[in-house]
Amino acid sequence: MPDASLGESSANIRRRRVARYLRTESGAAVLLVIVTVVALAWANSPLSDAYFELWHLDVGFDFGPLGLHMDLHH
């Protein structure tokens, strides 16, 4: 099955190819390794304060009187 249809931009074709690759087991593993290396480099760089502040960022949701709020570390 061809990747390109008439009039489709090369950016869309490239995006579809990357998305298809990331859906494979090896593609997901490569992405996980890349993200891990970036996180390790960021945590051990002069910008590490921003990295650790991100982990303590409070996120959550409220649904009427009920809600759940935690930092990213938990």
PDB file of N, CA and C in Angstrom:
ATOM      1  N   MET A   1       0.861  -1.176   0.000  1.00  0.00           N
ATOM      2  CA  MET A   1       0.000   0.000   0.000  1.00  0.00           C
ATOM      3  C   MET A   1       0.904   1.236   0.000  1.00  0.00           C
ATOM      4  N   PRO A   2       0.730   2.130  -0.954  1.00  0.00           N
ATOM      5  CA  PRO A   2       1.586   3.319  -1.006  1.00  0.00           C
ATOM      6  C   PRO A   2       1.293   4.270   0.146  1.00  0.00           C
ATOM      7  N   ASP A   3       2.354   4.990   0.571  1.00  0.00           N
ATOM      8  CA  ASP A   3       2.225   5.946   1.671  1.00  0.00           C
ATOM      9  C   ASP A   3       1.563   7.250   1.249  1.00  0.00           C
ATOM     10  N   ALA A   4       1.762   7.632   0.010  1.00  0.00           N
ATOM     11  CA  ALA A   4       1.326   8.959  -0.406  1.00  0.00           C
ATOM     12  C   ALA A   4       0.050   8.882  -1.236  1.00  0.00           C
ATOM     13  N   SER A   5      -0.817   9.815  -0.990  1.00  0.00           N
ATOM     14  CA  SER A   5      -1.960   9.999  -1.866  1.00  0.00           C
ATOM     15  C   SER A   5      -1.747  11.318  -2.592  1.00  0.00           C
ATOM     16  N   LEU A   6      -2.502  11.538  -3.608  1.00  0.00           N
ATOM     17  CA  LEU A   6      -2.315  12.755  -4.394  1.00  0.00           C
ATOM     18  C   LEU A   6      -2.577  13.985  -3.538  1.00  0.00           C
ATOM     19  N   GLY A   7      -1.666  14.938  -3.582  1.00  0.00           N
ATOM     20  CA  GLY A   7      -1.849  16.199  -2.892  1.00  0.00           C
ATOM     21  C   GLY A   7      -1.451  16.191  -1.427  1.00  0.00           C
ATOM     22  N   GLU A   8      -0.971  15.079  -0.916  1.00  0.00           N
ATOM     23  CA  GLU A   8      -0.580  15.028   0.494  1.00  0.00           C
ATOM     24  C   GLU A   8       0.835  15.581   0.638  1.00  0.00           C
ATOM     25  N   SER A   9       1.047  16.377   1.680  1.00  0.00           N
ATOM     26  CA  SER A   9       2.350  16.996   1.864  1.00  0.00           C
ATOM     27  C   SER A   9       3.354  15.976   2.377  1.00  0.00           C
ATOM     28  N   SER A  10       4.623  16.244   2.135  1.00  0.00           N
ATOM     29  CA  SER A  10       5.674  15.334   2.591  1.00  0.00           C
ATOM     30  C   SER A  10       5.753  15.296   4.113  1.00  0.00           C
ATOM     31  N   ALA A  11       5.372  16.391   4.781  1.00  0.00           N
ATOM     32  CA  ALA A  11       5.369  16.403   6.250  1.00  0.00           C
ATOM     33  C   ALA A  11       4.326  15.421   6.779  1.00  0.00           C
ATOM     34  N   ASN A  12       3.161  15.366   6.158  1.00  0.00           N
ATOM     35  CA  ASN A  12       2.131  14.418   6.585  1.00  0.00           C
ATOM     36  C   ASN A  12       2.557  12.982   6.337  1.00  0.00           C
ATOM     37  N   ILE A  13       3.217  12.741   5.223  1.00  0.00           N
ATOM     38  CA  ILE A  13       3.707  11.395   4.913  1.00  0.00           C
ATOM     39  C   ILE A  13       4.742  10.975   5.950  1.00  0.00           C
ATOM     40  N   ARG A  14       5.671  11.873   6.251  1.00  0.00           N
ATOM     41  CA  ARG A  14       6.718  11.583   7.238  1.00  0.00           C
ATOM     42  C   ARG A  14       6.101  11.335   8.615  1.00  0.00           C
ATOM     43  N   ARG A  15       5.115  12.136   8.987  1.00  0.00           N
ATOM     44  CA  ARG A  15       4.446  11.988  10.278  1.00  0.00           C
ATOM     45  C   ARG A  15       3.754  10.629  10.378  1.00  0.00           C
ATOM     46  N   ARG A  16       3.107  10.204   9.309  1.00  0.00           N
ATOM     47  CA  ARG A  16       2.451   8.894   9.311  1.00  0.00           C
ATOM     48  C   ARG A  16       3.460   7.762   9.423  1.00  0.00           C
ATOM     49  N   ARG A  17       4.596   7.899   8.743  1.00  0.00           N
ATOM     50  CA  ARG A  17       5.627   6.855   8.826  1.00  0.00           C
ATOM     51  C   ARG A  17       6.187   6.746  10.238  1.00  0.00           C
ATOM     52  N   VAL A  18       6.453   7.892  10.877  1.00  0.00           N
ATOM     53  CA  VAL A  18       6.954   7.890  12.252  1.00  0.00           C
ATOM     54  C   VAL A  18       5.914   7.297  13.193  1.00  0.00           C
ATOM     55  N   ALA A  19       4.659   7.682  13.024  1.00  0.00           N
ATOM     56  CA  ALA A  19       3.593   7.150  13.875  1.00  0.00           C
ATOM     57  C   ALA A  19       3.469   5.640  13.706  1.00  0.00           C
ATOM     58  N   ARG A  20       3.575   5.155  12.486  1.00  0.00           N
ATOM     59  CA  ARG A  20       3.487   3.720  12.244  1.00  0.00           C
ATOM     60  C   ARG A  20       4.672   3.000  12.887  1.00  0.00           C
ATOM     61  N   TYR A  21       5.863   3.591  12.810  1.00  0.00           N
ATOM     62  CA  TYR A  21       7.048   2.979  13.420  1.00  0.00           C
ATOM     63  C   TYR A  21       6.924   2.947  14.938  1.00  0.00           C
ATOM     64  N   LEU A  22       6.410   4.022  15.539  1.00  0.00           N
ATOM     65  CA  LEU A  22       6.283   4.068  16.995  1.00  0.00           C
ATOM     66  C   LEU A  22       5.244   3.089  17.522  1.00  0.00           C
ATOM     67  N   ARG A  23       4.355   2.627  16.679  1.00  0.00           N
ATOM     68  CA  ARG A  23       3.358   1.631  17.097  1.00  0.00           C
ATOM     69  C   ARG A  23       3.949   0.224  17.162  1.00  0.00           C
ATOM     70  N   THR A  24       5.162   0.049  16.636  1.00  0.00           N
ATOM     71  CA  THR A  24       5.805  -1.256  16.712  1.00  0.00           C
ATOM     72  C   THR A  24       6.546  -1.378  18.037  1.00  0.00           C
ATOM     73  N   GLU A  25       6.861  -2.609  18.413  1.00  0.00           N
ATOM     74  CA  GLU A  25       7.565  -2.843  19.673  1.00  0.00           C
ATOM     75  C   GLU A  25       8.956  -2.228  19.659  1.00  0.00           C
ATOM     76  N   SER A  26       9.673  -2.372  18.553  1.00  0.00           N
ATOM     77  CA  SER A  26      11.020  -1.803  18.486  1.00  0.00           C
ATOM     78  C   SER A  26      10.978  -0.275  18.450  1.00  0.00           C
ATOM     79  N   GLY A  27       9.978   0.294  17.815  1.00  0.00           N
ATOM     80  CA  GLY A  27       9.852   1.746  17.790  1.00  0.00           C
ATOM     81  C   GLY A  27       9.572   2.314  19.166  1.00  0.00           C
ATOM     82  N   ALA A  28       8.713   1.653  19.912  1.00  0.00           N
ATOM     83  CA  ALA A  28       8.415   2.092  21.273  1.00  0.00           C
ATOM     84  C   ALA A  28       9.650   1.965  22.160  1.00  0.00           C
ATOM     85  N   ALA A  29      10.438   0.916  21.967  1.00  0.00           N
ATOM     86  CA  ALA A  29      11.663   0.735  22.759  1.00  0.00           C
ATOM     87  C   ALA A  29      12.677   1.827  22.459  1.00  0.00           C
ATOM     88  N   VAL A  30      12.818   2.190  21.202  1.00  0.00           N
ATOM     89  CA  VAL A  30      13.740   3.268  20.829  1.00  0.00           C
ATOM     90  C   VAL A  30      13.285   4.579  21.455  1.00  0.00           C
ATOM     91  N   LEU A  31      12.001   4.867  21.406  1.00  0.00           N
ATOM     92  CA  LEU A  31      11.482   6.085  22.015  1.00  0.00           C
ATOM     93  C   LEU A  31      11.734   6.094  23.519  1.00  0.00           C
ATOM     94  N   LEU A  32      11.532   4.978  24.186  1.00  0.00           N
ATOM     95  CA  LEU A  32      11.766   4.876  25.624  1.00  0.00           C
ATOM     96  C   LEU A  32      13.231   5.131  25.972  1.00  0.00           C
ATOM     97  N   VAL A  33      14.149   4.594  25.193  1.00  0.00           N
ATOM     98  CA  VAL A  33      15.576   4.825  25.436  1.00  0.00           C
ATOM     99  C   VAL A  33      15.926   6.298  25.236  1.00  0.00           C
ATOM    100  N   ILE A  34      15.405   6.909  24.181  1.00  0.00           N
ATOM    101  CA  ILE A  34      15.694   8.320  23.913  1.00  0.00           C
ATOM    102  C   ILE A  34      15.177   9.199  25.047  1.00  0.00           C
ATOM    103  N   VAL A  35      13.942   8.965  25.484  1.00  0.00           N
ATOM    104  CA  VAL A  35      13.358   9.771  26.553  1.00  0.00           C
ATOM    105  C   VAL A  35      14.124   9.558  27.860  1.00  0.00           C
ATOM    106  N   THR A  36      14.568   8.346  28.130  1.00  0.00           N
ATOM    107  CA  THR A  36      15.344   8.063  29.334  1.00  0.00           C
ATOM    108  C   THR A  36      16.673   8.800  29.323  1.00  0.00           C
ATOM    109  N   VAL A  37      17.359   8.793  28.203  1.00  0.00           N
ATOM    110  CA  VAL A  37      18.639   9.501  28.089  1.00  0.00           C
ATOM    111  C   VAL A  37      18.440  11.002  28.272  1.00  0.00           C
ATOM    112  N   VAL A  38      17.387  11.551  27.686  1.00  0.00           N
ATOM    113  CA  VAL A  38      17.094  12.982  27.844  1.00  0.00           C
ATOM    114  C   VAL A  38      16.814  13.304  29.309  1.00  0.00           C
ATOM    115  N   ALA A  39      16.033  12.468  29.989  1.00  0.00           N
ATOM    116  CA  ALA A  39      15.715  12.713  31.399  1.00  0.00           C
ATOM    117  C   ALA A  39      16.967  12.632  32.269  1.00  0.00           C
ATOM    118  N   LEU A  40      17.827  11.661  32.018  1.00  0.00           N
ATOM    119  CA  LEU A  40      19.072  11.548  32.790  1.00  0.00           C
ATOM    120  C   LEU A  40      19.985  12.751  32.563  1.00  0.00           C
ATOM    121  N   ALA A  41      20.082  13.181  31.315  1.00  0.00           N
ATOM    122  CA  ALA A  41      20.916  14.347  31.011  1.00  0.00           C
ATOM    123  C   ALA A  41      20.344  15.601  31.671  1.00  0.00           C
ATOM    124  N   TRP A  42      19.036  15.753  31.622  1.00  0.00           N
ATOM    125  CA  TRP A  42      18.381  16.926  32.213  1.00  0.00           C
ATOM    126  C   TRP A  42      18.541  16.923  33.731  1.00  0.00           C
ATOM    127  N   ALA A  43      18.372  15.770  34.355  1.00  0.00           N
ATOM    128  CA  ALA A  43      18.471  15.686  35.815  1.00  0.00           C
ATOM    129  C   ALA A  43      19.889  15.939  36.311  1.00  0.00           C
ATOM    130  N   ASN A  44      20.883  15.705  35.483  1.00  0.00           N
ATOM    131  CA  ASN A  44      22.280  15.885  35.885  1.00  0.00           C
ATOM    132  C   ASN A  44      22.929  17.102  35.241  1.00  0.00           C
ATOM    133  N   SER A  45      22.114  18.005  34.731  1.00  0.00           N
ATOM    134  CA  SER A  45      22.622  19.215  34.098  1.00  0.00           C
ATOM    135  C   SER A  45      22.439  20.405  35.032  1.00  0.00           C
ATOM    136  N   PRO A  46      22.952  21.560  34.631  1.00  0.00           N
ATOM    137  CA  PRO A  46      22.697  22.767  35.426  1.00  0.00           C
ATOM    138  C   PRO A  46      21.219  23.137  35.502  1.00  0.00           C
ATOM    139  N   LEU A  47      20.401  22.552  34.660  1.00  0.00           N
ATOM    140  CA  LEU A  47      18.960  22.816  34.673  1.00  0.00           C
ATOM    141  C   LEU A  47      18.200  21.818  35.545  1.00  0.00           C
ATOM    142  N   SER A  48      18.909  21.116  36.404  1.00  0.00           N
ATOM    143  CA  SER A  48      18.270  20.071  37.204  1.00  0.00           C
ATOM    144  C   SER A  48      17.200  20.615  38.156  1.00  0.00           C
ATOM    145  N   ASP A  49      17.322  21.867  38.577  1.00  0.00           N
ATOM    146  CA  ASP A  49      16.283  22.440  39.444  1.00  0.00           C
ATOM    147  C   ASP A  49      14.915  22.410  38.756  1.00  0.00           C
ATOM    148  N   ALA A  50      14.890  22.716  37.470  1.00  0.00           N
ATOM    149  CA  ALA A  50      13.629  22.682  36.719  1.00  0.00           C
ATOM    150  C   ALA A  50      13.101  21.254  36.617  1.00  0.00           C
ATOM    151  N   TYR A  51      14.005  20.293  36.471  1.00  0.00           N
ATOM    152  CA  TYR A  51      13.607  18.881  36.401  1.00  0.00           C
ATOM    153  C   TYR A  51      12.912  18.456  37.697  1.00  0.00           C
ATOM    154  N   PHE A  52      13.516  18.794  38.840  1.00  0.00           N
ATOM    155  CA  PHE A  52      12.946  18.382  40.115  1.00  0.00           C
ATOM    156  C   PHE A  52      11.685  19.184  40.470  1.00  0.00           C
ATOM    157  N   GLU A  53      11.602  20.428  40.001  1.00  0.00           N
ATOM    158  CA  GLU A  53      10.367  21.197  40.189  1.00  0.00           C
ATOM    159  C   GLU A  53       9.220  20.564  39.403  1.00  0.00           C
ATOM    160  N   LEU A  54       9.518  20.031  38.236  1.00  0.00           N
ATOM    161  CA  LEU A  54       8.496  19.366  37.434  1.00  0.00           C
ATOM    162  C   LEU A  54       7.910  18.177  38.194  1.00  0.00           C
ATOM    163  N   TRP A  55       8.750  17.413  38.886  1.00  0.00           N
ATOM    164  CA  TRP A  55       8.271  16.251  39.639  1.00  0.00           C
ATOM    165  C   TRP A  55       7.346  16.647  40.788  1.00  0.00           C
ATOM    166  N   HIS A  56       7.484  17.856  41.289  1.00  0.00           N
ATOM    167  CA  HIS A  56       6.647  18.302  42.401  1.00  0.00           C
ATOM    168  C   HIS A  56       5.480  19.178  41.941  1.00  0.00           C
ATOM    169  N   LEU A  57       5.234  19.218  40.646  1.00  0.00           N
ATOM    170  CA  LEU A  57       4.114  19.954  40.090  1.00  0.00           C
ATOM    171  C   LEU A  57       2.805  19.270  40.479  1.00  0.00           C
ATOM    172  N   ASP A  58       1.883  20.035  41.016  1.00  0.00           N
ATOM    173  CA  ASP A  58       0.603  19.492  41.444  1.00  0.00           C
ATOM    174  C   ASP A  58      -0.336  19.382  40.254  1.00  0.00           C
ATOM    175  N   VAL A  59      -0.858  18.196  40.017  1.00  0.00           N
ATOM    176  CA  VAL A  59      -1.832  17.974  38.951  1.00  0.00           C
ATOM    177  C   VAL A  59      -3.040  17.263  39.550  1.00  0.00           C
ATOM    178  N   GLY A  60      -4.168  17.421  38.926  1.00  0.00           N
ATOM    179  CA  GLY A  60      -5.356  16.749  39.422  1.00  0.00           C
ATOM    180  C   GLY A  60      -6.593  17.191  38.696  1.00  0.00           C
ATOM    181  N   PHE A  61      -7.702  16.728  39.208  1.00  0.00           N
ATOM    182  CA  PHE A  61      -8.986  17.094  38.626  1.00  0.00           C
ATOM    183  C   PHE A  61     -10.033  17.145  39.725  1.00  0.00           C
ATOM    184  N   ASP A  62     -11.081  17.886  39.468  1.00  0.00           N
ATOM    185  CA  ASP A  62     -12.240  17.969  40.358  1.00  0.00           C
ATOM    186  C   ASP A  62     -13.475  17.586  39.561  1.00  0.00           C
ATOM    187  N   PHE A  63     -14.321  16.802  40.172  1.00  0.00           N
ATOM    188  CA  PHE A  63     -15.588  16.427  39.573  1.00  0.00           C
ATOM    189  C   PHE A  63     -16.655  16.667  40.619  1.00  0.00           C
ATOM    190  N   GLY A  64     -17.212  17.863  40.592  1.00  0.00           N
ATOM    191  CA  GLY A  64     -18.159  18.258  41.636  1.00  0.00           C
ATOM    192  C   GLY A  64     -17.426  18.351  42.968  1.00  0.00           C
ATOM    193  N   PRO A  65     -17.955  17.722  43.998  1.00  0.00           N
ATOM    194  CA  PRO A  65     -17.292  17.778  45.303  1.00  0.00           C
ATOM    195  C   PRO A  65     -16.107  16.811  45.411  1.00  0.00           C
ATOM    196  N   LEU A  66     -15.935  15.929  44.439  1.00  0.00           N
ATOM    197  CA  LEU A  66     -14.859  14.951  44.472  1.00  0.00           C
ATOM    198  C   LEU A  66     -13.667  15.459  43.666  1.00  0.00           C
ATOM    199  N   GLY A  67     -12.498  15.102  44.086  1.00  0.00           N
ATOM    200  CA  GLY A  67     -11.314  15.506  43.345  1.00  0.00           C
ATOM    201  C   GLY A  67     -10.127  14.642  43.695  1.00  0.00           C
ATOM    202  N   LEU A  68      -9.141  14.687  42.848  1.00  0.00           N
ATOM    203  CA  LEU A  68      -7.894  13.975  43.069  1.00  0.00           C
ATOM    204  C   LEU A  68      -6.756  14.893  42.655  1.00  0.00           C
ATOM    205  N   HIS A  69      -5.874  15.193  43.594  1.00  0.00           N
ATOM    206  CA  HIS A  69      -4.735  16.059  43.333  1.00  0.00           C
ATOM    207  C   HIS A  69      -3.498  15.423  43.928  1.00  0.00           C
ATOM    208  N   MET A  70      -2.461  15.299  43.120  1.00  0.00           N
ATOM    209  CA  MET A  70      -1.187  14.745  43.574  1.00  0.00           C
ATOM    210  C   MET A  70      -0.073  15.409  42.771  1.00  0.00           C
ATOM    211  N   ASP A  71       1.152  15.287  43.280  1.00  0.00           N
ATOM    212  CA  ASP A  71       2.264  15.757  42.479  1.00  0.00           C
ATOM    213  C   ASP A  71       2.672  14.639  41.518  1.00  0.00           C
ATOM    214  N   LEU A  72       3.470  14.967  40.520  1.00  0.00           N
ATOM    215  CA  LEU A  72       3.835  13.985  39.501  1.00  0.00           C
ATOM    216  C   LEU A  72       4.694  12.860  40.072  1.00  0.00           C
ATOM    217  N   HIS A  73       5.338  13.101  41.180  1.00  0.00           N
ATOM    218  CA  HIS A  73       6.184  12.071  41.790  1.00  0.00           C
ATOM    219  C   HIS A  73       5.353  10.898  42.277  1.00  0.00           C
ATOM    220  N   HIS A  74       4.119  11.130  42.652  1.00  0.00           N
ATOM    221  CA  HIS A  74       3.261  10.062  43.151  1.00  0.00           C
ATOM    222  C   HIS A  74       2.441   9.535  42.022  1.00  0.00           C
TER     223      HIS A  74
END
